[in-house]
Amino acid sequence: MNSRPMSPGNVLTMHYTWCRMSTGGSKMRKTTSISIRVSEEELEIFKRAADEEAYASYSEFVRRTALKEASRVLKEKEDQKGGKTNE
């Protein structure tokens, strides 16, 4: 983890909108934003990787990669809990 201070310009902000169908058939929209601080070098890495993998944007690359990692961590923790025995 890099502990050096970063300038305010090194913030990556991502906005997402999701829709949920209500029982009446109307759509409900909610937008959520997150911001993460990254160095210029880290931002360039995200941009290059997103381009290599043909993502629509680097924020989409970051979002999908973070979701994959979060799912992996949660599954790993679930598996660890499931493997414990009560003796």
N, C-alpha and C. Protein backbone atom coordinates (compact mmCIF):
# COMPACT_ATOMS: atom_id res chain seq x y z
N MET A 1 0.85 -1.18 0.00
CA MET A 1 0.00 0.00 0.00
C MET A 1 0.89 1.23 0.00
N ASN A 2 0.60 2.16 -0.87
CA ASN A 2 1.38 3.37 -0.98
C ASN A 2 0.87 4.39 0.03
N SER A 3 1.74 4.87 0.91
CA SER A 3 1.29 5.78 1.96
C SER A 3 1.64 7.24 1.67
N ARG A 4 2.22 7.52 0.52
CA ARG A 4 2.55 8.92 0.23
C ARG A 4 1.29 9.73 -0.04
N PRO A 5 1.27 10.99 0.35
CA PRO A 5 0.09 11.82 0.14
C PRO A 5 -0.13 12.09 -1.35
N MET A 6 -1.39 12.18 -1.74
CA MET A 6 -1.72 12.44 -3.14
C MET A 6 -2.46 13.76 -3.25
N SER A 7 -2.32 14.38 -4.39
CA SER A 7 -3.00 15.65 -4.61
C SER A 7 -4.48 15.40 -4.87
N PRO A 8 -5.33 16.42 -4.68
CA PRO A 8 -6.77 16.25 -4.88
C PRO A 8 -7.13 15.86 -6.31
N GLY A 9 -6.25 16.10 -7.27
CA GLY A 9 -6.54 15.77 -8.66
C GLY A 9 -6.48 14.28 -8.96
N ASN A 10 -6.01 13.47 -8.04
CA ASN A 10 -5.86 12.04 -8.28
C ASN A 10 -7.04 11.25 -7.72
N VAL A 11 -8.24 11.63 -8.07
CA VAL A 11 -9.43 10.94 -7.60
C VAL A 11 -10.18 10.41 -8.80
N LEU A 12 -10.46 9.12 -8.79
CA LEU A 12 -11.24 8.48 -9.83
C LEU A 12 -12.66 8.36 -9.31
N THR A 13 -13.62 8.94 -9.98
CA THR A 13 -15.02 8.88 -9.55
C THR A 13 -15.80 8.07 -10.55
N MET A 14 -16.61 7.15 -10.03
CA MET A 14 -17.42 6.30 -10.90
C MET A 14 -18.89 6.44 -10.49
N HIS A 15 -19.78 6.53 -11.45
CA HIS A 15 -21.21 6.64 -11.21
C HIS A 15 -21.91 5.45 -11.84
N TYR A 16 -22.85 4.87 -11.12
CA TYR A 16 -23.60 3.73 -11.63
C TYR A 16 -25.07 3.94 -11.39
N THR A 17 -25.88 3.50 -12.33
CA THR A 17 -27.33 3.58 -12.20
C THR A 17 -27.89 2.18 -12.31
N TRP A 18 -28.82 1.85 -11.45
CA TRP A 18 -29.49 0.56 -11.55
C TRP A 18 -30.98 0.78 -11.52
N CYS A 19 -31.71 -0.13 -12.12
CA CYS A 19 -33.16 -0.04 -12.16
C CYS A 19 -33.76 -1.25 -11.46
N ARG A 20 -34.83 -1.04 -10.75
CA ARG A 20 -35.55 -2.14 -10.11
C ARG A 20 -37.02 -1.99 -10.47
N MET A 21 -37.60 -3.08 -10.87
CA MET A 21 -39.02 -3.06 -11.21
C MET A 21 -39.83 -3.14 -9.92
N SER A 22 -40.76 -2.23 -9.76
CA SER A 22 -41.64 -2.31 -8.60
C SER A 22 -42.79 -3.24 -8.96
N THR A 23 -43.61 -3.59 -7.99
CA THR A 23 -44.73 -4.50 -8.25
C THR A 23 -45.72 -3.92 -9.23
N GLY A 24 -45.79 -2.62 -9.32
CA GLY A 24 -46.70 -1.97 -10.26
C GLY A 24 -46.14 -1.86 -11.66
N GLY A 25 -44.93 -2.30 -11.88
CA GLY A 25 -44.33 -2.27 -13.20
C GLY A 25 -43.54 -1.01 -13.51
N SER A 26 -43.57 -0.02 -12.62
CA SER A 26 -42.79 1.19 -12.88
C SER A 26 -41.35 0.98 -12.44
N LYS A 27 -40.45 1.70 -13.07
CA LYS A 27 -39.03 1.55 -12.75
C LYS A 27 -38.62 2.53 -11.66
N MET A 28 -37.74 2.06 -10.80
CA MET A 28 -37.18 2.90 -9.76
C MET A 28 -35.69 3.01 -10.05
N ARG A 29 -35.15 4.19 -10.18
CA ARG A 29 -33.73 4.36 -10.48
C ARG A 29 -32.99 4.90 -9.27
N LYS A 30 -31.78 4.37 -9.12
CA LYS A 30 -30.92 4.87 -8.04
C LYS A 30 -29.52 4.97 -8.60
N THR A 31 -28.87 6.09 -8.38
CA THR A 31 -27.50 6.29 -8.82
C THR A 31 -26.59 6.31 -7.61
N THR A 32 -25.50 5.58 -7.71
CA THR A 32 -24.52 5.52 -6.63
C THR A 32 -23.17 5.92 -7.19
N SER A 33 -22.42 6.71 -6.46
CA SER A 33 -21.08 7.11 -6.86
C SER A 33 -20.08 6.65 -5.83
N ILE A 34 -18.89 6.33 -6.31
CA ILE A 34 -17.78 6.08 -5.41
C ILE A 34 -16.57 6.83 -5.95
N SER A 35 -15.70 7.20 -5.06
CA SER A 35 -14.46 7.85 -5.45
C SER A 35 -13.31 7.11 -4.79
N ILE A 36 -12.24 6.91 -5.54
CA ILE A 36 -11.05 6.30 -4.97
C ILE A 36 -9.85 7.17 -5.34
N ARG A 37 -8.91 7.24 -4.44
CA ARG A 37 -7.70 8.01 -4.70
C ARG A 37 -6.67 7.08 -5.32
N VAL A 38 -6.11 7.52 -6.43
CA VAL A 38 -5.08 6.75 -7.12
C VAL A 38 -3.96 7.69 -7.54
N SER A 39 -2.77 7.13 -7.66
CA SER A 39 -1.64 7.93 -8.16
C SER A 39 -1.77 8.04 -9.68
N GLU A 40 -1.02 8.94 -10.25
CA GLU A 40 -1.02 9.09 -11.70
C GLU A 40 -0.58 7.79 -12.37
N GLU A 41 0.41 7.13 -11.76
CA GLU A 41 0.91 5.86 -12.30
C GLU A 41 -0.17 4.79 -12.26
N GLU A 42 -0.90 4.71 -11.15
CA GLU A 42 -1.98 3.72 -11.02
C GLU A 42 -3.09 3.99 -12.04
N LEU A 43 -3.42 5.25 -12.23
CA LEU A 43 -4.45 5.61 -13.21
C LEU A 43 -4.03 5.18 -14.61
N GLU A 44 -2.78 5.39 -14.95
CA GLU A 44 -2.27 4.97 -16.26
C GLU A 44 -2.33 3.45 -16.42
N ILE A 45 -2.04 2.72 -15.34
CA ILE A 45 -2.14 1.26 -15.38
C ILE A 45 -3.58 0.85 -15.65
N PHE A 46 -4.55 1.45 -14.95
CA PHE A 46 -5.96 1.15 -15.18
C PHE A 46 -6.34 1.43 -16.63
N LYS A 47 -5.92 2.57 -17.14
CA LYS A 47 -6.26 2.94 -18.51
C LYS A 47 -5.67 1.96 -19.52
N ARG A 48 -4.41 1.59 -19.32
CA ARG A 48 -3.76 0.66 -20.25
C ARG A 48 -4.41 -0.72 -20.21
N ALA A 49 -4.70 -1.21 -19.00
CA ALA A 49 -5.33 -2.52 -18.87
C ALA A 49 -6.73 -2.52 -19.47
N ALA A 50 -7.49 -1.46 -19.24
CA ALA A 50 -8.84 -1.36 -19.81
C ALA A 50 -8.78 -1.37 -21.33
N ASP A 51 -7.81 -0.68 -21.88
CA ASP A 51 -7.63 -0.64 -23.33
C ASP A 51 -7.25 -2.02 -23.86
N GLU A 52 -6.32 -2.70 -23.20
CA GLU A 52 -5.89 -4.04 -23.61
C GLU A 52 -7.04 -5.04 -23.60
N GLU A 53 -7.92 -4.92 -22.61
CA GLU A 53 -9.04 -5.84 -22.46
C GLU A 53 -10.30 -5.36 -23.19
N ALA A 54 -10.20 -4.25 -23.90
CA ALA A 54 -11.30 -3.68 -24.70
C ALA A 54 -12.54 -3.32 -23.87
N TYR A 55 -12.31 -2.81 -22.66
CA TYR A 55 -13.42 -2.30 -21.85
C TYR A 55 -13.87 -0.97 -22.43
N ALA A 56 -15.13 -0.63 -22.19
CA ALA A 56 -15.67 0.64 -22.69
C ALA A 56 -14.98 1.83 -22.03
N SER A 57 -14.54 1.67 -20.79
CA SER A 57 -13.87 2.75 -20.07
C SER A 57 -13.01 2.14 -18.97
N TYR A 58 -12.08 2.91 -18.46
CA TYR A 58 -11.26 2.39 -17.38
C TYR A 58 -12.06 2.27 -16.09
N SER A 59 -13.07 3.11 -15.90
CA SER A 59 -13.89 2.97 -14.69
C SER A 59 -14.69 1.66 -14.73
N GLU A 60 -15.12 1.25 -15.91
CA GLU A 60 -15.80 -0.04 -16.04
C GLU A 60 -14.84 -1.19 -15.73
N PHE A 61 -13.60 -1.06 -16.18
CA PHE A 61 -12.57 -2.06 -15.86
C PHE A 61 -12.36 -2.15 -14.35
N VAL A 62 -12.24 -1.01 -13.69
CA VAL A 62 -12.03 -0.98 -12.24
C VAL A 62 -13.23 -1.60 -11.53
N ARG A 63 -14.43 -1.23 -11.95
CA ARG A 63 -15.65 -1.74 -11.32
C ARG A 63 -15.73 -3.26 -11.44
N ARG A 64 -15.56 -3.77 -12.65
CA ARG A 64 -15.68 -5.21 -12.87
C ARG A 64 -14.57 -5.99 -12.16
N THR A 65 -13.37 -5.45 -12.18
CA THR A 65 -12.25 -6.12 -11.51
C THR A 65 -12.48 -6.14 -10.00
N ALA A 66 -12.94 -5.04 -9.46
CA ALA A 66 -13.21 -4.98 -8.01
C ALA A 66 -14.33 -5.93 -7.63
N LEU A 67 -15.37 -6.04 -8.45
CA LEU A 67 -16.45 -6.97 -8.16
C LEU A 67 -15.98 -8.42 -8.21
N LYS A 68 -15.12 -8.75 -9.16
CA LYS A 68 -14.57 -10.11 -9.24
C LYS A 68 -13.77 -10.42 -7.99
N GLU A 69 -12.93 -9.49 -7.57
CA GLU A 69 -12.11 -9.69 -6.38
C GLU A 69 -12.97 -9.78 -5.12
N ALA A 70 -13.98 -8.94 -5.01
CA ALA A 70 -14.88 -8.98 -3.86
C ALA A 70 -15.61 -10.32 -3.80
N SER A 71 -16.08 -10.80 -4.94
CA SER A 71 -16.76 -12.10 -4.98
C SER A 71 -15.83 -13.23 -4.59
N ARG A 72 -14.58 -13.16 -5.03
CA ARG A 72 -13.59 -14.18 -4.70
C ARG A 72 -13.34 -14.20 -3.18
N VAL A 73 -13.17 -13.03 -2.60
CA VAL A 73 -12.91 -12.92 -1.17
C VAL A 73 -14.10 -13.46 -0.38
N LEU A 74 -15.31 -13.08 -0.75
CA LEU A 74 -16.49 -13.54 -0.03
C LEU A 74 -16.66 -15.05 -0.14
N LYS A 75 -16.42 -15.60 -1.33
CA LYS A 75 -16.51 -17.05 -1.51
C LYS A 75 -15.46 -17.77 -0.67
N GLU A 76 -14.25 -17.23 -0.67
CA GLU A 76 -13.17 -17.82 0.13
C GLU A 76 -13.54 -17.83 1.62
N LYS A 77 -14.09 -16.74 2.10
CA LYS A 77 -14.49 -16.66 3.52
C LYS A 77 -15.64 -17.62 3.81
N GLU A 78 -16.60 -17.73 2.88
CA GLU A 78 -17.70 -18.68 3.04
C GLU A 78 -17.18 -20.10 3.10
N ASP A 79 -16.24 -20.44 2.21
CA ASP A 79 -15.66 -21.77 2.17
C ASP A 79 -14.91 -22.08 3.46
N GLN A 80 -14.20 -21.08 4.01
CA GLN A 80 -13.48 -21.28 5.27
C GLN A 80 -14.46 -21.54 6.41
N LYS A 81 -15.55 -20.80 6.44
CA LYS A 81 -16.56 -20.99 7.50
C LYS A 81 -17.22 -22.36 7.35
N GLY A 82 -17.50 -22.77 6.14
CA GLY A 82 -18.14 -24.05 5.89
C GLY A 82 -17.26 -25.22 6.21
N GLY A 83 -15.94 -25.05 6.16
CA GLY A 83 -15.00 -26.12 6.41
C GLY A 83 -14.68 -26.34 7.87
N LYS A 84 -15.12 -25.43 8.73
CA LYS A 84 -14.84 -25.55 10.17
C LYS A 84 -15.79 -26.57 10.80
N THR A 85 -15.26 -27.32 11.74
CA THR A 85 -16.08 -28.29 12.46
C THR A 85 -16.23 -27.85 13.90
N ASN A 86 -17.36 -28.18 14.49
CA ASN A 86 -17.61 -27.85 15.90
C ASN A 86 -17.26 -29.07 16.72
N GLU A 87 -16.14 -29.04 17.40
CA GLU A 87 -15.71 -30.18 18.22
C GLU A 87 -15.77 -29.83 19.67
